[in-house]
């Protein structure tokens, strides 16, 4: 077998193996609000550049037009945030004060 055929065959085998393992992998956790509101964002805020809260502001501006599923996901997200212990940072929040000297 020529070196080219050897490399091509091993690449093909690797690709097939990776594809098989990828099919078994669980999907990454999705933000329930983003998933529930995907259609609303596309329909109502498609021209909005994501970042710096612009999509959130667009959603607020169109709150009366949001789908029931999107509204429900937003309410649930707010409820979960309000149930966090008072003064406790969100799970994704960085530490309040980094250790000195680091």
Protein backbone atom coordinates (compact mmCIF):
# COMPACT_ATOMS: atom_id res chain seq x y z
CA UNK A 1 0.00 0.00 0.00
CA UNK A 2 1.33 3.46 -0.86
CA UNK A 3 1.83 6.01 1.91
CA UNK A 4 -1.02 8.10 0.48
CA UNK A 5 -3.46 5.17 0.60
CA UNK A 6 -2.34 4.32 4.14
CA UNK A 7 -2.94 7.86 5.35
CA UNK A 8 -6.29 8.08 3.54
CA UNK A 9 -7.46 4.74 4.95
CA UNK A 10 -6.44 5.63 8.52
CA UNK A 11 -8.11 9.03 8.21
CA UNK A 12 -11.31 7.42 6.99
CA UNK A 13 -11.29 4.90 9.84
CA UNK A 14 -10.68 7.70 12.37
CA UNK A 15 -13.52 9.75 10.91
CA UNK A 16 -15.92 6.81 11.12
CA UNK A 17 -14.90 6.07 14.71
CA UNK A 18 -15.31 9.72 15.76
CA UNK A 19 -18.72 9.86 14.11
CA UNK A 20 -19.85 6.76 16.00
CA UNK A 21 -18.71 8.16 19.34
CA UNK A 22 -20.20 11.58 18.65
CA UNK A 23 -23.62 10.04 18.05
CA UNK A 24 -23.53 8.53 21.54
CA UNK A 25 -22.49 11.75 23.28
CA UNK A 26 -25.25 13.58 25.13
CA UNK A 27 -26.12 16.99 23.74
CA UNK A 28 -24.56 19.93 25.55
CA UNK A 29 -26.84 21.50 28.15
CA UNK A 30 -28.91 24.21 26.56
CA UNK A 31 -30.02 27.42 28.13
CA UNK A 32 -33.72 26.71 28.53
CA UNK A 33 -34.68 30.32 27.79
CA UNK A 34 -32.58 30.43 24.62
CA UNK A 35 -34.02 27.10 23.47
CA UNK A 36 -37.62 28.05 24.28
CA UNK A 37 -37.30 31.50 22.74
CA UNK A 38 -35.28 30.58 19.64
CA UNK A 39 -38.21 31.04 17.25
CA UNK A 40 -39.26 34.29 18.95
CA UNK A 41 -35.73 35.69 18.72
CA UNK A 42 -35.53 34.75 15.07
CA UNK A 43 -38.92 36.26 14.28
CA UNK A 44 -38.80 39.40 16.43
CA UNK A 45 -35.10 40.22 16.82
CA UNK A 46 -33.43 38.80 13.72
CA UNK A 47 -31.69 42.09 12.87
CA UNK A 48 -30.27 42.55 16.38
CA UNK A 49 -26.55 41.93 16.83
CA UNK A 50 -26.07 39.59 19.85
CA UNK A 51 -24.03 40.84 22.78
CA UNK A 52 -24.16 43.45 25.51
CA UNK A 53 -27.81 42.60 26.31
CA UNK A 54 -29.19 43.77 22.95
CA UNK A 55 -31.23 40.59 22.31
CA UNK A 56 -32.60 40.70 25.87
CA UNK A 57 -33.66 44.32 25.38
CA UNK A 58 -35.32 43.40 22.08
CA UNK A 59 -37.21 40.60 23.81
CA UNK A 60 -38.35 43.03 26.51
CA UNK A 61 -39.55 45.45 23.85
CA UNK A 62 -41.62 42.66 22.26
CA UNK A 63 -42.75 40.96 25.48
CA UNK A 64 -46.43 41.08 24.41
CA UNK A 65 -45.58 39.17 21.23
CA UNK A 66 -43.57 36.35 22.84
CA UNK A 67 -44.84 32.79 22.57
CA UNK A 68 -46.33 31.15 25.67
CA UNK A 69 -43.39 28.70 25.85
CA UNK A 70 -40.87 31.52 25.78
CA UNK A 71 -42.73 33.49 28.44
CA UNK A 72 -42.91 30.38 30.62
CA UNK A 73 -39.15 29.73 30.27
CA UNK A 74 -38.38 33.33 31.22
CA UNK A 75 -40.61 33.11 34.31
CA UNK A 76 -38.97 29.83 35.33
CA UNK A 77 -35.50 31.30 34.90
CA UNK A 78 -36.44 34.30 37.05
CA UNK A 79 -37.90 31.99 39.70
CA UNK A 80 -34.72 29.89 39.80
CA UNK A 81 -32.55 33.00 40.15
CA UNK A 82 -34.71 34.38 42.94
CA UNK A 83 -34.46 31.08 44.84
CA UNK A 84 -30.68 31.35 45.12
CA UNK A 85 -29.48 32.08 48.62
CA UNK A 86 -29.41 35.82 49.31
CA UNK A 87 -25.95 37.19 48.70
CA UNK A 88 -24.76 33.99 47.01
CA UNK A 89 -23.14 34.57 43.63
CA UNK A 90 -24.55 32.80 40.61
CA UNK A 91 -22.84 29.55 39.67
CA UNK A 92 -21.27 31.22 36.63
CA UNK A 93 -20.12 34.31 38.53
CA UNK A 94 -16.36 34.77 39.04
CA UNK A 95 -15.00 34.90 42.60
CA UNK A 96 -15.66 38.25 44.28
CA UNK A 97 -12.02 38.87 45.21
CA UNK A 98 -9.13 36.95 43.64
CA UNK A 99 -6.49 35.67 46.08
CA UNK A 100 -3.70 38.20 46.69
CA UNK A 101 -0.58 37.80 44.61
CA UNK A 102 -2.26 35.91 41.78
